[in-house]
């Protein structure tokens, strides 16, 4: 048993304001708090025996650095960064607290984001879905309903999907791009062809050209077949070219 039902009045939202001060509000009064702009309530800290590490996940659209306390969280940050609807975002900025079974309980969503015109709180799905996890999600849904948040649960990618995402993530930074070169390359994929052939047709250096192609795929200006390892030999096509071969 996880505990008796929780009411909205039992839930408190904890966060740090713009000046770094710890604040607590009844969750029904927290809907206008700009969670996506705030610092972590407590930055993740590595410790001996930890199965992952603390790292920053750079948000390419907003130039924010998000401190991730696990690889699963970092991989979900990659997923968020590729979502064009996600604007500003934060990691670990919110904690919900409530009473359960005679003691205080808490839930800290992995991220908060402004997405498609609405504030969203985002959880990373754990490897094992326990009763405690499900009960926490019930409380989060109740809190989100009172505050006007949208709730999203992200499942970290695995296998080929994750390996492809890592390749694209490494090429996402728009600051190193040469506009003339990237437009030249994009124009080579009006029909489906291999990345290597498109790079050769654009007369670009092979390594640079492949990185530019991966950036175009990251930005969804080029498409490739899902579920297949991404390599220079992968078939790619422009969004305007339809669904490819």
C-alpha atoms as a PDB file:
ATOM      1  CA  UNK A   1       0.000   0.000   0.000  1.00  0.00           C
ATOM      2  CA  UNK A   2       1.354   3.414  -0.985  1.00  0.00           C
ATOM      3  CA  UNK A   3      -0.982   5.437   1.218  1.00  0.00           C
ATOM      4  CA  UNK A   4      -4.397   7.105   1.371  1.00  0.00           C
ATOM      5  CA  UNK A   5      -5.649   9.368  -1.438  1.00  0.00           C
ATOM      6  CA  UNK A   6      -3.968  12.752  -1.730  1.00  0.00           C
ATOM      7  CA  UNK A   7      -5.929  15.961  -2.268  1.00  0.00           C
ATOM      8  CA  UNK A   8      -4.807  19.070  -4.120  1.00  0.00           C
ATOM      9  CA  UNK A   9      -4.608  20.984  -0.846  1.00  0.00           C
ATOM     10  CA  UNK A  10      -2.042  18.454   0.413  1.00  0.00           C
ATOM     11  CA  UNK A  11       0.441  19.186  -2.410  1.00  0.00           C
ATOM     12  CA  UNK A  12       3.104  21.883  -2.197  1.00  0.00           C
ATOM     13  CA  UNK A  13       5.259  23.077  -5.103  1.00  0.00           C
ATOM     14  CA  UNK A  14       8.894  23.820  -4.171  1.00  0.00           C
ATOM     15  CA  UNK A  15      11.316  25.736  -6.405  1.00  0.00           C
ATOM     16  CA  UNK A  16      14.001  28.436  -6.443  1.00  0.00           C
ATOM     17  CA  UNK A  17      12.889  31.825  -7.695  1.00  0.00           C
ATOM     18  CA  UNK A  18      14.873  34.030 -10.091  1.00  0.00           C
ATOM     19  CA  UNK A  19      16.995  35.263  -7.177  1.00  0.00           C
ATOM     20  CA  UNK A  20      17.885  31.756  -5.986  1.00  0.00           C
ATOM     21  CA  UNK A  21      15.565  31.811  -2.976  1.00  0.00           C
ATOM     22  CA  UNK A  22      13.782  28.586  -2.049  1.00  0.00           C
ATOM     23  CA  UNK A  23      10.029  29.045  -2.287  1.00  0.00           C
ATOM     24  CA  UNK A  24       7.001  26.917  -1.451  1.00  0.00           C
ATOM     25  CA  UNK A  25       3.478  27.431  -2.738  1.00  0.00           C
ATOM     26  CA  UNK A  26       0.257  25.433  -2.701  1.00  0.00           C
ATOM     27  CA  UNK A  27       0.367  23.758  -6.093  1.00  0.00           C
ATOM     28  CA  UNK A  28      -2.893  25.416  -7.146  1.00  0.00           C
ATOM     29  CA  UNK A  29      -1.075  28.771  -6.905  1.00  0.00           C
ATOM     30  CA  UNK A  30       2.026  27.664  -8.843  1.00  0.00           C
ATOM     31  CA  UNK A  31       0.631  27.681 -12.371  1.00  0.00           C
ATOM     32  CA  UNK A  32       2.278  30.980 -13.349  1.00  0.00           C
ATOM     33  CA  UNK A  33       5.710  30.161 -11.915  1.00  0.00           C
ATOM     34  CA  UNK A  34       8.114  30.121 -14.941  1.00  0.00           C
ATOM     35  CA  UNK A  35       9.609  26.748 -14.094  1.00  0.00           C
ATOM     36  CA  UNK A  36      11.262  26.460 -17.503  1.00  0.00           C
ATOM     37  CA  UNK A  37      13.451  29.483 -16.687  1.00  0.00           C
ATOM     38  CA  UNK A  38      14.553  28.528 -13.178  1.00  0.00           C
ATOM     39  CA  UNK A  39      17.689  26.910 -11.790  1.00  0.00           C
ATOM     40  CA  UNK A  40      17.630  23.414 -10.287  1.00  0.00           C
ATOM     41  CA  UNK A  41      16.203  23.194  -6.792  1.00  0.00           C
ATOM     42  CA  UNK A  42      19.347  21.228  -5.902  1.00  0.00           C
ATOM     43  CA  UNK A  43      21.965  20.560  -8.594  1.00  0.00           C
ATOM     44  CA  UNK A  44      22.738  16.848  -9.043  1.00  0.00           C
ATOM     45  CA  UNK A  45      25.935  15.781  -7.283  1.00  0.00           C
ATOM     46  CA  UNK A  46      27.943  12.654  -8.181  1.00  0.00           C
ATOM     47  CA  UNK A  47      28.815  10.279  -5.389  1.00  0.00           C
ATOM     48  CA  UNK A  48      30.809   7.035  -5.023  1.00  0.00           C
ATOM     49  CA  UNK A  49      28.976   4.037  -6.453  1.00  0.00           C
ATOM     50  CA  UNK A  50      26.707   6.073  -8.730  1.00  0.00           C
ATOM     51  CA  UNK A  51      25.771   4.124 -11.847  1.00  0.00           C
ATOM     52  CA  UNK A  52      25.863   7.204 -14.095  1.00  0.00           C
ATOM     53  CA  UNK A  53      27.272  10.709 -13.980  1.00  0.00           C
ATOM     54  CA  UNK A  54      26.363  14.380 -13.860  1.00  0.00           C
ATOM     55  CA  UNK A  55      26.668  16.149 -17.186  1.00  0.00           C
ATOM     56  CA  UNK A  56      25.294  19.200 -18.933  1.00  0.00           C
ATOM     57  CA  UNK A  57      22.904  18.758 -21.841  1.00  0.00           C
ATOM     58  CA  UNK A  58      23.123  21.883 -23.974  1.00  0.00           C
ATOM     59  CA  UNK A  59      19.818  23.135 -25.404  1.00  0.00           C
ATOM     60  CA  UNK A  60      20.633  24.196 -28.956  1.00  0.00           C
ATOM     61  CA  UNK A  61      17.496  26.309 -29.485  1.00  0.00           C
ATOM     62  CA  UNK A  62      17.798  28.362 -26.285  1.00  0.00           C
ATOM     63  CA  UNK A  63      21.507  28.129 -25.368  1.00  0.00           C
ATOM     64  CA  UNK A  64      20.679  26.701 -21.933  1.00  0.00           C
ATOM     65  CA  UNK A  65      22.816  24.146 -20.078  1.00  0.00           C
ATOM     66  CA  UNK A  66      20.732  21.545 -18.242  1.00  0.00           C
ATOM     67  CA  UNK A  67      22.428  19.579 -15.456  1.00  0.00           C
ATOM     68  CA  UNK A  68      21.426  15.916 -15.860  1.00  0.00           C
ATOM     69  CA  UNK A  69      22.023  13.481 -13.024  1.00  0.00           C
ATOM     70  CA  UNK A  70      21.815  10.277 -15.066  1.00  0.00           C
ATOM     71  CA  UNK A  71      22.347   8.947 -18.549  1.00  0.00           C
ATOM     72  CA  UNK A  72      18.614   8.259 -18.873  1.00  0.00           C
ATOM     73  CA  UNK A  73      17.889  11.897 -18.128  1.00  0.00           C
ATOM     74  CA  UNK A  74      20.565  13.041 -20.566  1.00  0.00           C
ATOM     75  CA  UNK A  75      19.139  10.835 -23.320  1.00  0.00           C
ATOM     76  CA  UNK A  76      15.685  12.300 -22.719  1.00  0.00           C
ATOM     77  CA  UNK A  77      17.217  15.789 -22.893  1.00  0.00           C
ATOM     78  CA  UNK A  78      18.403  14.849 -26.400  1.00  0.00           C
ATOM     79  CA  UNK A  79      14.838  13.887 -27.328  1.00  0.00           C
ATOM     80  CA  UNK A  80      13.533  17.228 -26.033  1.00  0.00           C
ATOM     81  CA  UNK A  81      16.200  19.162 -27.899  1.00  0.00           C
ATOM     82  CA  UNK A  82      15.061  17.700 -31.205  1.00  0.00           C
ATOM     83  CA  UNK A  83      11.407  18.611 -30.584  1.00  0.00           C
ATOM     84  CA  UNK A  84      10.822  21.918 -32.450  1.00  0.00           C
ATOM     85  CA  UNK A  85       7.821  22.691 -30.210  1.00  0.00           C
ATOM     86  CA  UNK A  86      10.000  22.811 -27.069  1.00  0.00           C
ATOM     87  CA  UNK A  87      11.208  26.289 -26.156  1.00  0.00           C
ATOM     88  CA  UNK A  88      12.884  27.214 -22.892  1.00  0.00           C
ATOM     89  CA  UNK A  89      13.406  24.332 -20.502  1.00  0.00           C
ATOM     90  CA  UNK A  90      14.899  23.518 -17.104  1.00  0.00           C
ATOM     91  CA  UNK A  91      16.074  20.412 -15.278  1.00  0.00           C
ATOM     92  CA  UNK A  92      15.101  19.615 -11.695  1.00  0.00           C
ATOM     93  CA  UNK A  93      13.521  23.022 -11.027  1.00  0.00           C
ATOM     94  CA  UNK A  94      10.351  21.676  -9.384  1.00  0.00           C
ATOM     95  CA  UNK A  95       9.653  19.356  -6.486  1.00  0.00           C
ATOM     96  CA  UNK A  96       6.179  18.365  -5.333  1.00  0.00           C
ATOM     97  CA  UNK A  97       5.778  17.471  -1.664  1.00  0.00           C
ATOM     98  CA  UNK A  98       2.878  15.902   0.182  1.00  0.00           C
ATOM     99  CA  UNK A  99       2.129  13.756   3.231  1.00  0.00           C
ATOM    100  CA  UNK A 100       1.713  10.001   2.895  1.00  0.00           C
ATOM    101  CA  UNK A 101       1.645   7.205   5.463  1.00  0.00           C
ATOM    102  CA  UNK A 102       2.630   9.595   8.222  1.00  0.00           C
ATOM    103  CA  UNK A 103       5.708  11.032   6.490  1.00  0.00           C
ATOM    104  CA  UNK A 104       6.599  13.513   3.821  1.00  0.00           C
ATOM    105  CA  UNK A 105       6.833  12.302   0.243  1.00  0.00           C
ATOM    106  CA  UNK A 106       8.176  14.062  -2.807  1.00  0.00           C
ATOM    107  CA  UNK A 107       8.450  13.874  -6.565  1.00  0.00           C
ATOM    108  CA  UNK A 108      10.889  15.850  -8.705  1.00  0.00           C
ATOM    109  CA  UNK A 109      10.090  15.816 -12.445  1.00  0.00           C
ATOM    110  CA  UNK A 110      13.209  15.632 -14.589  1.00  0.00           C
ATOM    111  CA  UNK A 111      12.350  18.689 -16.693  1.00  0.00           C
ATOM    112  CA  UNK A 112       9.974  21.567 -17.136  1.00  0.00           C
ATOM    113  CA  UNK A 113       9.493  23.157 -20.549  1.00  0.00           C
ATOM    114  CA  UNK A 114       7.438  25.698 -22.433  1.00  0.00           C
ATOM    115  CA  UNK A 115       6.054  23.604 -25.267  1.00  0.00           C
ATOM    116  CA  UNK A 116       3.524  24.594 -27.912  1.00  0.00           C
ATOM    117  CA  UNK A 117       2.263  27.530 -25.860  1.00  0.00           C
ATOM    118  CA  UNK A 118       1.856  25.650 -22.591  1.00  0.00           C
ATOM    119  CA  UNK A 119       3.967  24.818 -19.547  1.00  0.00           C
ATOM    120  CA  UNK A 120       4.879  21.139 -19.376  1.00  0.00           C
ATOM    121  CA  UNK A 121       6.374  19.042 -16.579  1.00  0.00           C
ATOM    122  CA  UNK A 122       8.304  16.060 -17.867  1.00  0.00           C
ATOM    123  CA  UNK A 123       9.244  12.812 -16.146  1.00  0.00           C
ATOM    124  CA  UNK A 124      11.733  10.193 -17.301  1.00  0.00           C
ATOM    125  CA  UNK A 125      10.166   6.756 -17.212  1.00  0.00           C
ATOM    126  CA  UNK A 126      12.198   4.463 -14.920  1.00  0.00           C
ATOM    127  CA  UNK A 127      13.413   1.044 -15.981  1.00  0.00           C
ATOM    128  CA  UNK A 128      10.965  -0.562 -13.547  1.00  0.00           C
ATOM    129  CA  UNK A 129       7.427   0.752 -13.117  1.00  0.00           C
ATOM    130  CA  UNK A 130       6.798   0.322  -9.397  1.00  0.00           C
ATOM    131  CA  UNK A 131       3.714   1.073  -7.304  1.00  0.00           C
ATOM    132  CA  UNK A 132       5.577   4.057  -5.858  1.00  0.00           C
ATOM    133  CA  UNK A 133       6.203   5.415  -9.368  1.00  0.00           C
ATOM    134  CA  UNK A 134       2.542   4.983 -10.343  1.00  0.00           C
ATOM    135  CA  UNK A 135       1.350   6.635  -7.130  1.00  0.00           C
ATOM    136  CA  UNK A 136       3.701   9.548  -7.758  1.00  0.00           C
ATOM    137  CA  UNK A 137       2.319   9.942 -11.270  1.00  0.00           C
ATOM    138  CA  UNK A 138      -1.212  10.052  -9.853  1.00  0.00           C
ATOM    139  CA  UNK A 139      -0.155  12.889  -7.543  1.00  0.00           C
ATOM    140  CA  UNK A 140       1.586  14.682 -10.414  1.00  0.00           C
ATOM    141  CA  UNK A 141      -1.549  14.440 -12.550  1.00  0.00           C
ATOM    142  CA  UNK A 142      -3.599  15.901  -9.710  1.00  0.00           C
ATOM    143  CA  UNK A 143      -1.095  18.725  -9.200  1.00  0.00           C
ATOM    144  CA  UNK A 144      -0.880  19.447 -12.922  1.00  0.00           C
ATOM    145  CA  UNK A 145      -4.645  19.674 -13.178  1.00  0.00           C
ATOM    146  CA  UNK A 146      -4.700  22.289 -10.419  1.00  0.00           C
ATOM    147  CA  UNK A 147      -1.764  24.290 -11.787  1.00  0.00           C
ATOM    148  CA  UNK A 148      -2.684  24.055 -15.465  1.00  0.00           C
ATOM    149  CA  UNK A 149       0.435  22.137 -16.470  1.00  0.00           C
ATOM    150  CA  UNK A 150       0.643  19.445 -19.092  1.00  0.00           C
ATOM    151  CA  UNK A 151       2.321  16.190 -17.978  1.00  0.00           C
ATOM    152  CA  UNK A 152       4.608  14.249 -20.284  1.00  0.00           C
ATOM    153  CA  UNK A 153       6.469  11.017 -19.625  1.00  0.00           C
ATOM    154  CA  UNK A 154       9.491  10.438 -21.865  1.00  0.00           C
ATOM    155  CA  UNK A 155      10.886   6.962 -22.438  1.00  0.00           C
ATOM    156  CA  UNK A 156      14.652   7.078 -23.054  1.00  0.00           C
ATOM    157  CA  UNK A 157      15.605   5.771 -26.504  1.00  0.00           C
ATOM    158  CA  UNK A 158      17.575   2.560 -26.751  1.00  0.00           C
ATOM    159  CA  UNK A 159      19.522   0.526 -29.260  1.00  0.00           C
ATOM    160  CA  UNK A 160      19.768   1.817 -32.823  1.00  0.00           C
ATOM    161  CA  UNK A 161      17.446   4.732 -32.068  1.00  0.00           C
ATOM    162  CA  UNK A 162      19.771   5.944 -29.324  1.00  0.00           C
ATOM    163  CA  UNK A 163      22.939   5.470 -31.381  1.00  0.00           C
ATOM    164  CA  UNK A 164      21.442   7.433 -34.280  1.00  0.00           C
ATOM    165  CA  UNK A 165      20.239  10.156 -31.935  1.00  0.00           C
ATOM    166  CA  UNK A 166      23.758  10.529 -30.488  1.00  0.00           C
ATOM    167  CA  UNK A 167      25.200  11.032 -33.972  1.00  0.00           C
ATOM    168  CA  UNK A 168      22.620  13.692 -34.800  1.00  0.00           C
ATOM    169  CA  UNK A 169      22.976  15.333 -31.386  1.00  0.00           C
ATOM    170  CA  UNK A 170      26.700  15.783 -31.947  1.00  0.00           C
ATOM    171  CA  UNK A 171      25.983  17.657 -35.205  1.00  0.00           C
ATOM    172  CA  UNK A 172      23.139  19.860 -33.967  1.00  0.00           C
ATOM    173  CA  UNK A 173      25.107  23.004 -33.042  1.00  0.00           C
ATOM    174  CA  UNK A 174      24.094  25.715 -35.560  1.00  0.00           C
ATOM    175  CA  UNK A 175      27.004  27.987 -34.621  1.00  0.00           C
ATOM    176  CA  UNK A 176      29.604  26.219 -36.762  1.00  0.00           C
ATOM    177  CA  UNK A 177      27.492  25.961 -39.920  1.00  0.00           C
ATOM    178  CA  UNK A 178      28.338  27.751 -43.164  1.00  0.00           C
ATOM    179  CA  UNK A 179      24.994  28.788 -44.669  1.00  0.00           C
ATOM    180  CA  UNK A 180      26.198  28.504 -48.265  1.00  0.00           C
ATOM    181  CA  UNK A 181      27.543  24.980 -47.771  1.00  0.00           C
ATOM    182  CA  UNK A 182      24.500  23.662 -45.945  1.00  0.00           C
ATOM    183  CA  UNK A 183      22.079  25.049 -48.537  1.00  0.00           C
ATOM    184  CA  UNK A 184      24.245  23.619 -51.300  1.00  0.00           C
ATOM    185  CA  UNK A 185      24.102  20.199 -49.666  1.00  0.00           C
ATOM    186  CA  UNK A 186      20.369  20.376 -48.939  1.00  0.00           C
ATOM    187  CA  UNK A 187      19.758  20.995 -52.634  1.00  0.00           C
ATOM    188  CA  UNK A 188      21.334  17.644 -53.540  1.00  0.00           C
ATOM    189  CA  UNK A 189      18.507  15.614 -51.968  1.00  0.00           C
ATOM    190  CA  UNK A 190      15.484  16.568 -54.061  1.00  0.00           C
ATOM    191  CA  UNK A 191      15.488  12.852 -54.868  1.00  0.00           C
ATOM    192  CA  UNK A 192      16.498  10.076 -52.496  1.00  0.00           C
ATOM    193  CA  UNK A 193      20.194   9.216 -52.565  1.00  0.00           C
ATOM    194  CA  UNK A 194      22.907   8.155 -50.154  1.00  0.00           C
ATOM    195  CA  UNK A 195      24.408  10.794 -47.884  1.00  0.00           C
ATOM    196  CA  UNK A 196      27.824  10.038 -49.362  1.00  0.00           C
ATOM    197  CA  UNK A 197      26.561  10.670 -52.906  1.00  0.00           C
ATOM    198  CA  UNK A 198      24.928  13.939 -51.889  1.00  0.00           C
ATOM    199  CA  UNK A 199      28.144  15.126 -50.259  1.00  0.00           C
ATOM    200  CA  UNK A 200      30.153  14.176 -53.350  1.00  0.00           C
ATOM    201  CA  UNK A 201      27.668  15.974 -55.641  1.00  0.00           C
ATOM    202  CA  UNK A 202      28.022  19.125 -53.535  1.00  0.00           C
ATOM    203  CA  UNK A 203      31.828  18.886 -53.839  1.00  0.00           C
ATOM    204  CA  UNK A 204      32.227  19.117 -50.065  1.00  0.00           C
ATOM    205  CA  UNK A 205      34.996  17.524 -47.961  1.00  0.00           C
ATOM    206  CA  UNK A 206      33.663  14.085 -46.908  1.00  0.00           C
ATOM    207  CA  UNK A 207      33.822  14.523 -43.121  1.00  0.00           C
ATOM    208  CA  UNK A 208      32.420  18.046 -43.170  1.00  0.00           C
ATOM    209  CA  UNK A 209      29.719  17.036 -45.634  1.00  0.00           C
ATOM    210  CA  UNK A 210      28.538  14.104 -43.534  1.00  0.00           C
ATOM    211  CA  UNK A 211      28.362  16.315 -40.438  1.00  0.00           C
ATOM    212  CA  UNK A 212      26.321  18.865 -42.395  1.00  0.00           C
ATOM    213  CA  UNK A 213      23.992  16.095 -43.591  1.00  0.00           C
ATOM    214  CA  UNK A 214      23.512  14.884 -40.021  1.00  0.00           C
ATOM    215  CA  UNK A 215      22.648  18.434 -38.986  1.00  0.00           C
ATOM    216  CA  UNK A 216      20.036  18.602 -41.743  1.00  0.00           C
ATOM    217  CA  UNK A 217      18.569  15.324 -40.493  1.00  0.00           C
ATOM    218  CA  UNK A 218      18.574  16.673 -36.923  1.00  0.00           C
ATOM    219  CA  UNK A 219      16.699  19.757 -38.146  1.00  0.00           C
ATOM    220  CA  UNK A 220      14.261  17.509 -40.055  1.00  0.00           C
ATOM    221  CA  UNK A 221      15.175  19.075 -43.372  1.00  0.00           C
ATOM    222  CA  UNK A 222      16.362  15.650 -44.506  1.00  0.00           C
ATOM    223  CA  UNK A 223      14.788  12.309 -43.648  1.00  0.00           C
ATOM    224  CA  UNK A 224      16.124   8.767 -43.392  1.00  0.00           C
ATOM    225  CA  UNK A 225      14.524   5.401 -42.743  1.00  0.00           C
ATOM    226  CA  UNK A 226      13.805   4.787 -39.059  1.00  0.00           C
ATOM    227  CA  UNK A 227      15.262   1.767 -37.285  1.00  0.00           C
ATOM    228  CA  UNK A 228      18.328   1.486 -39.524  1.00  0.00           C
ATOM    229  CA  UNK A 229      21.851   2.456 -38.357  1.00  0.00           C
ATOM    230  CA  UNK A 230      22.785   5.901 -39.649  1.00  0.00           C
ATOM    231  CA  UNK A 231      25.955   5.929 -41.774  1.00  0.00           C
ATOM    232  CA  UNK A 232      27.260   7.869 -44.790  1.00  0.00           C
ATOM    233  CA  UNK A 233      25.733   5.076 -46.896  1.00  0.00           C
ATOM    234  CA  UNK A 234      22.211   5.743 -45.536  1.00  0.00           C
ATOM    235  CA  UNK A 235      19.551   6.892 -47.998  1.00  0.00           C
ATOM    236  CA  UNK A 236      18.316  10.432 -47.314  1.00  0.00           C
ATOM    237  CA  UNK A 237      15.782  12.699 -48.962  1.00  0.00           C
ATOM    238  CA  UNK A 238      14.480  16.234 -48.487  1.00  0.00           C
ATOM    239  CA  UNK A 239      11.190  16.857 -46.717  1.00  0.00           C
ATOM    240  CA  UNK A 240       9.753  18.225 -49.952  1.00  0.00           C
ATOM    241  CA  UNK A 241      10.668  15.018 -51.784  1.00  0.00           C
ATOM    242  CA  UNK A 242       7.983  12.963 -50.056  1.00  0.00           C
ATOM    243  CA  UNK A 243       8.585   9.763 -48.140  1.00  0.00           C
ATOM    244  CA  UNK A 244      11.613   8.594 -50.060  1.00  0.00           C
ATOM    245  CA  UNK A 245      12.088   5.233 -51.802  1.00  0.00           C
END
